[in-house]
């Protein structure tokens, strides 16, 4: 998520379009930030400001991701695929800088590996833990499938010291 917040979207999209990236594995915060970038062209995260006010993560727009995830679970879709699909279908105004929407357009899997309780979407009343767990598990199986055929490929980890290495190890 921090890599995305640093503004590298155009570089990653270019690498996807040139077929240098054939799968991205990210955490739940990445999906949230990507959705925010697609919706308003920026991320809304300002921990210091919103924690003091008692509003951190409680904006309605970000809570919409929970509806997308619940729908995705009903469709048996992965979380990354579903959010990218929704960004495209809803024609969010800044979708051209969305990694998830561009990956969806290019047919590149983005797997989202959620740790329940870690993301701002989990504090909304429409959060469905089963839907998040199920869609994230679909993504885990998708990543494992990609890794099975990695012969001659490379795995790179940016910005994750715990979740990404553990997901890779288990996949």
C-alpha atoms as a PDB file:
ATOM      1  CA  UNK A   1       0.000   0.000   0.000  1.00  0.00           C
ATOM      2  CA  UNK A   2       2.819   2.404   0.808  1.00  0.00           C
ATOM      3  CA  UNK A   3       4.381   1.750  -2.580  1.00  0.00           C
ATOM      4  CA  UNK A   4       1.107   2.716  -4.245  1.00  0.00           C
ATOM      5  CA  UNK A   5       0.783   5.831  -2.079  1.00  0.00           C
ATOM      6  CA  UNK A   6       4.209   6.962  -3.280  1.00  0.00           C
ATOM      7  CA  UNK A   7       2.743   7.566  -6.748  1.00  0.00           C
ATOM      8  CA  UNK A   8       4.188   4.753  -8.848  1.00  0.00           C
ATOM      9  CA  UNK A   9       0.901   3.866 -10.570  1.00  0.00           C
ATOM     10  CA  UNK A  10       2.018   4.996 -14.031  1.00  0.00           C
ATOM     11  CA  UNK A  11       5.219   2.927 -13.786  1.00  0.00           C
ATOM     12  CA  UNK A  12       3.379  -0.212 -12.669  1.00  0.00           C
ATOM     13  CA  UNK A  13       0.704   0.200 -15.352  1.00  0.00           C
ATOM     14  CA  UNK A  14       3.422   0.653 -17.984  1.00  0.00           C
ATOM     15  CA  UNK A  15       5.146  -2.515 -16.752  1.00  0.00           C
ATOM     16  CA  UNK A  16       1.840  -4.417 -16.938  1.00  0.00           C
ATOM     17  CA  UNK A  17       1.174  -3.147 -20.459  1.00  0.00           C
ATOM     18  CA  UNK A  18       4.685  -4.218 -21.539  1.00  0.00           C
ATOM     19  CA  UNK A  19       4.083  -7.700 -20.038  1.00  0.00           C
ATOM     20  CA  UNK A  20       6.839  -7.312 -17.424  1.00  0.00           C
ATOM     21  CA  UNK A  21       4.344  -8.021 -14.633  1.00  0.00           C
ATOM     22  CA  UNK A  22       1.992 -10.961 -14.893  1.00  0.00           C
ATOM     23  CA  UNK A  23       0.637 -10.982 -11.331  1.00  0.00           C
ATOM     24  CA  UNK A  24       0.588  -8.614  -8.375  1.00  0.00           C
ATOM     25  CA  UNK A  25      -0.004  -9.753  -4.803  1.00  0.00           C
ATOM     26  CA  UNK A  26      -1.039  -6.966  -2.442  1.00  0.00           C
ATOM     27  CA  UNK A  27      -2.601  -6.365   0.961  1.00  0.00           C
ATOM     28  CA  UNK A  28      -6.034  -4.995   1.798  1.00  0.00           C
ATOM     29  CA  UNK A  29      -4.762  -1.447   2.264  1.00  0.00           C
ATOM     30  CA  UNK A  30      -3.497  -1.492  -1.336  1.00  0.00           C
ATOM     31  CA  UNK A  31      -7.016  -2.234  -2.600  1.00  0.00           C
ATOM     32  CA  UNK A  32      -8.407   0.591  -0.465  1.00  0.00           C
ATOM     33  CA  UNK A  33      -5.842   3.138  -1.654  1.00  0.00           C
ATOM     34  CA  UNK A  34      -6.258   2.047  -5.271  1.00  0.00           C
ATOM     35  CA  UNK A  35     -10.043   2.473  -4.983  1.00  0.00           C
ATOM     36  CA  UNK A  36      -9.569   5.933  -3.459  1.00  0.00           C
ATOM     37  CA  UNK A  37      -7.169   6.945  -6.244  1.00  0.00           C
ATOM     38  CA  UNK A  38      -9.711   5.765  -8.835  1.00  0.00           C
ATOM     39  CA  UNK A  39     -12.542   7.612  -7.086  1.00  0.00           C
ATOM     40  CA  UNK A  40     -10.975  10.962  -6.149  1.00  0.00           C
ATOM     41  CA  UNK A  41      -7.464  10.936  -7.638  1.00  0.00           C
ATOM     42  CA  UNK A  42      -5.786  10.761  -4.221  1.00  0.00           C
ATOM     43  CA  UNK A  43      -5.747   8.737  -1.040  1.00  0.00           C
ATOM     44  CA  UNK A  44      -7.692   9.983   1.973  1.00  0.00           C
ATOM     45  CA  UNK A  45      -5.361   8.501   4.543  1.00  0.00           C
ATOM     46  CA  UNK A  46      -4.106  11.018   7.056  1.00  0.00           C
ATOM     47  CA  UNK A  47      -3.738   8.979  10.210  1.00  0.00           C
ATOM     48  CA  UNK A  48      -2.566  11.829  12.436  1.00  0.00           C
ATOM     49  CA  UNK A  49      -5.454  14.091  11.463  1.00  0.00           C
ATOM     50  CA  UNK A  50      -8.306  11.571  11.452  1.00  0.00           C
ATOM     51  CA  UNK A  51      -7.246   9.672  14.592  1.00  0.00           C
ATOM     52  CA  UNK A  52      -7.392  12.928  16.584  1.00  0.00           C
ATOM     53  CA  UNK A  53     -10.881  13.628  15.230  1.00  0.00           C
ATOM     54  CA  UNK A  54     -12.086  10.050  15.791  1.00  0.00           C
ATOM     55  CA  UNK A  55     -12.980   9.641  12.112  1.00  0.00           C
ATOM     56  CA  UNK A  56     -10.124   7.515  10.801  1.00  0.00           C
ATOM     57  CA  UNK A  57     -11.473   5.252   8.062  1.00  0.00           C
ATOM     58  CA  UNK A  58     -15.102   6.097   8.644  1.00  0.00           C
ATOM     59  CA  UNK A  59     -15.899   7.855   5.371  1.00  0.00           C
ATOM     60  CA  UNK A  60     -18.809   6.453   3.426  1.00  0.00           C
ATOM     61  CA  UNK A  61     -17.058   6.174   0.068  1.00  0.00           C
ATOM     62  CA  UNK A  62     -14.423   3.732   1.317  1.00  0.00           C
ATOM     63  CA  UNK A  63     -17.150   1.651   2.968  1.00  0.00           C
ATOM     64  CA  UNK A  64     -18.488   0.954  -0.533  1.00  0.00           C
ATOM     65  CA  UNK A  65     -15.615  -1.508  -0.972  1.00  0.00           C
ATOM     66  CA  UNK A  66     -17.410  -3.780   1.520  1.00  0.00           C
ATOM     67  CA  UNK A  67     -20.425  -3.939  -0.801  1.00  0.00           C
ATOM     68  CA  UNK A  68     -18.120  -4.868  -3.690  1.00  0.00           C
ATOM     69  CA  UNK A  69     -16.506  -7.637  -1.625  1.00  0.00           C
ATOM     70  CA  UNK A  70     -19.873  -9.043  -0.523  1.00  0.00           C
ATOM     71  CA  UNK A  71     -21.031  -9.097  -4.162  1.00  0.00           C
ATOM     72  CA  UNK A  72     -17.734 -10.714  -5.215  1.00  0.00           C
ATOM     73  CA  UNK A  73     -18.148 -13.503  -2.659  1.00  0.00           C
ATOM     74  CA  UNK A  74     -21.629 -14.226  -4.024  1.00  0.00           C
ATOM     75  CA  UNK A  75     -20.096 -14.421  -7.516  1.00  0.00           C
ATOM     76  CA  UNK A  76     -17.131 -16.522  -6.277  1.00  0.00           C
ATOM     77  CA  UNK A  77     -14.665 -13.883  -7.499  1.00  0.00           C
ATOM     78  CA  UNK A  78     -11.378 -12.925  -5.952  1.00  0.00           C
ATOM     79  CA  UNK A  79     -11.118  -9.630  -4.102  1.00  0.00           C
ATOM     80  CA  UNK A  80      -8.607  -8.027  -6.483  1.00  0.00           C
ATOM     81  CA  UNK A  81     -10.563  -8.987  -9.572  1.00  0.00           C
ATOM     82  CA  UNK A  82     -13.813  -7.723  -8.046  1.00  0.00           C
ATOM     83  CA  UNK A  83     -12.533  -4.286  -7.037  1.00  0.00           C
ATOM     84  CA  UNK A  84     -10.874  -3.790 -10.439  1.00  0.00           C
ATOM     85  CA  UNK A  85     -14.100  -4.876 -12.140  1.00  0.00           C
ATOM     86  CA  UNK A  86     -16.162  -2.497 -10.002  1.00  0.00           C
ATOM     87  CA  UNK A  87     -13.859   0.455 -10.698  1.00  0.00           C
ATOM     88  CA  UNK A  88     -14.291  -0.163 -14.427  1.00  0.00           C
ATOM     89  CA  UNK A  89     -18.039  -0.897 -14.293  1.00  0.00           C
ATOM     90  CA  UNK A  90     -18.775   2.145 -12.147  1.00  0.00           C
ATOM     91  CA  UNK A  91     -16.545   4.240 -14.416  1.00  0.00           C
ATOM     92  CA  UNK A  92     -14.785   5.906 -11.509  1.00  0.00           C
ATOM     93  CA  UNK A  93     -13.347   9.232 -12.688  1.00  0.00           C
ATOM     94  CA  UNK A  94      -9.648   8.461 -12.157  1.00  0.00           C
ATOM     95  CA  UNK A  95      -9.710   4.781 -13.118  1.00  0.00           C
ATOM     96  CA  UNK A  96      -6.860   5.319 -15.583  1.00  0.00           C
ATOM     97  CA  UNK A  97      -4.467   5.436 -12.588  1.00  0.00           C
ATOM     98  CA  UNK A  98      -5.973   2.395 -10.887  1.00  0.00           C
ATOM     99  CA  UNK A  99      -3.714  -0.643 -10.773  1.00  0.00           C
ATOM    100  CA  UNK A 100      -6.710  -2.897 -10.139  1.00  0.00           C
ATOM    101  CA  UNK A 101      -8.762  -1.488 -13.037  1.00  0.00           C
ATOM    102  CA  UNK A 102      -5.836  -1.639 -15.455  1.00  0.00           C
ATOM    103  CA  UNK A 103      -4.973  -5.172 -14.371  1.00  0.00           C
ATOM    104  CA  UNK A 104      -8.618  -6.122 -14.920  1.00  0.00           C
ATOM    105  CA  UNK A 105      -8.512  -4.550 -18.388  1.00  0.00           C
ATOM    106  CA  UNK A 106      -5.276  -6.389 -19.228  1.00  0.00           C
ATOM    107  CA  UNK A 107      -6.320  -9.719 -17.709  1.00  0.00           C
ATOM    108  CA  UNK A 108      -3.522  -9.644 -15.116  1.00  0.00           C
ATOM    109  CA  UNK A 109      -4.421 -11.120 -11.730  1.00  0.00           C
ATOM    110  CA  UNK A 110      -4.031  -8.950  -8.668  1.00  0.00           C
ATOM    111  CA  UNK A 111      -4.409 -11.035  -5.559  1.00  0.00           C
ATOM    112  CA  UNK A 112      -5.419  -9.269  -2.348  1.00  0.00           C
ATOM    113  CA  UNK A 113      -4.347 -10.879   0.920  1.00  0.00           C
ATOM    114  CA  UNK A 114      -6.386  -9.450   3.771  1.00  0.00           C
ATOM    115  CA  UNK A 115      -5.613  -9.721   7.475  1.00  0.00           C
ATOM    116  CA  UNK A 116      -9.000  -9.327   9.148  1.00  0.00           C
ATOM    117  CA  UNK A 117      -9.050  -6.343  11.489  1.00  0.00           C
ATOM    118  CA  UNK A 118      -6.165  -4.493   9.831  1.00  0.00           C
ATOM    119  CA  UNK A 119      -8.007  -2.314   7.311  1.00  0.00           C
ATOM    120  CA  UNK A 120     -10.314   0.679   7.651  1.00  0.00           C
ATOM    121  CA  UNK A 121     -13.086  -1.091   5.737  1.00  0.00           C
ATOM    122  CA  UNK A 122     -13.346  -3.587   8.602  1.00  0.00           C
ATOM    123  CA  UNK A 123     -14.722  -0.971  10.990  1.00  0.00           C
ATOM    124  CA  UNK A 124     -17.812  -0.264   8.850  1.00  0.00           C
ATOM    125  CA  UNK A 125     -21.162  -1.844   9.769  1.00  0.00           C
ATOM    126  CA  UNK A 126     -21.449  -3.451   6.304  1.00  0.00           C
ATOM    127  CA  UNK A 127     -18.191  -5.413   6.743  1.00  0.00           C
ATOM    128  CA  UNK A 128     -18.638  -9.143   6.097  1.00  0.00           C
ATOM    129  CA  UNK A 129     -15.701 -11.145   7.429  1.00  0.00           C
ATOM    130  CA  UNK A 130     -16.790 -14.305   5.607  1.00  0.00           C
ATOM    131  CA  UNK A 131     -16.878 -12.440   2.286  1.00  0.00           C
ATOM    132  CA  UNK A 132     -13.430 -10.951   2.871  1.00  0.00           C
ATOM    133  CA  UNK A 133     -12.017 -14.283   3.978  1.00  0.00           C
ATOM    134  CA  UNK A 134     -13.566 -16.103   1.024  1.00  0.00           C
ATOM    135  CA  UNK A 135     -12.519 -13.624  -1.655  1.00  0.00           C
ATOM    136  CA  UNK A 136      -9.037 -13.342  -0.181  1.00  0.00           C
ATOM    137  CA  UNK A 137      -8.768 -17.148  -0.141  1.00  0.00           C
ATOM    138  CA  UNK A 138      -9.750 -17.279  -3.828  1.00  0.00           C
ATOM    139  CA  UNK A 139      -6.909 -14.820  -4.421  1.00  0.00           C
ATOM    140  CA  UNK A 140      -4.524 -16.954  -2.360  1.00  0.00           C
ATOM    141  CA  UNK A 141      -5.305 -19.985  -4.526  1.00  0.00           C
ATOM    142  CA  UNK A 142      -4.840 -17.854  -7.653  1.00  0.00           C
ATOM    143  CA  UNK A 143      -1.424 -16.704  -6.424  1.00  0.00           C
ATOM    144  CA  UNK A 144      -0.426 -20.295  -5.617  1.00  0.00           C
ATOM    145  CA  UNK A 145      -1.396 -21.267  -9.170  1.00  0.00           C
ATOM    146  CA  UNK A 146       0.730 -18.463 -10.633  1.00  0.00           C
ATOM    147  CA  UNK A 147       3.685 -19.487  -8.476  1.00  0.00           C
ATOM    148  CA  UNK A 148       3.411 -23.095  -9.684  1.00  0.00           C
ATOM    149  CA  UNK A 149       4.403 -21.919 -13.161  1.00  0.00           C
ATOM    150  CA  UNK A 150       7.015 -19.368 -12.099  1.00  0.00           C
ATOM    151  CA  UNK A 151       9.948 -21.315 -13.594  1.00  0.00           C
ATOM    152  CA  UNK A 152      12.439 -18.693 -14.764  1.00  0.00           C
ATOM    153  CA  UNK A 153      10.425 -15.870 -13.207  1.00  0.00           C
ATOM    154  CA  UNK A 154      11.083 -13.474 -10.383  1.00  0.00           C
ATOM    155  CA  UNK A 155       9.179 -12.621  -7.207  1.00  0.00           C
ATOM    156  CA  UNK A 156       9.791  -9.115  -5.851  1.00  0.00           C
ATOM    157  CA  UNK A 157       8.590  -7.810  -2.495  1.00  0.00           C
ATOM    158  CA  UNK A 158       8.223  -4.100  -1.866  1.00  0.00           C
ATOM    159  CA  UNK A 159       6.960  -2.638   1.371  1.00  0.00           C
ATOM    160  CA  UNK A 160       5.927  -5.740   3.307  1.00  0.00           C
ATOM    161  CA  UNK A 161       8.040  -7.338   6.009  1.00  0.00           C
ATOM    162  CA  UNK A 162       5.446  -9.767   7.375  1.00  0.00           C
ATOM    163  CA  UNK A 163       2.276 -10.470   5.364  1.00  0.00           C
ATOM    164  CA  UNK A 164       3.753 -10.743   1.850  1.00  0.00           C
ATOM    165  CA  UNK A 165       6.635 -13.058   2.797  1.00  0.00           C
ATOM    166  CA  UNK A 166       4.238 -15.269   4.785  1.00  0.00           C
ATOM    167  CA  UNK A 167       1.690 -15.422   1.949  1.00  0.00           C
ATOM    168  CA  UNK A 168       4.475 -16.294  -0.517  1.00  0.00           C
ATOM    169  CA  UNK A 169       5.848 -18.975   1.808  1.00  0.00           C
ATOM    170  CA  UNK A 170       2.431 -20.612   2.246  1.00  0.00           C
ATOM    171  CA  UNK A 171       1.530 -20.353  -1.460  1.00  0.00           C
END
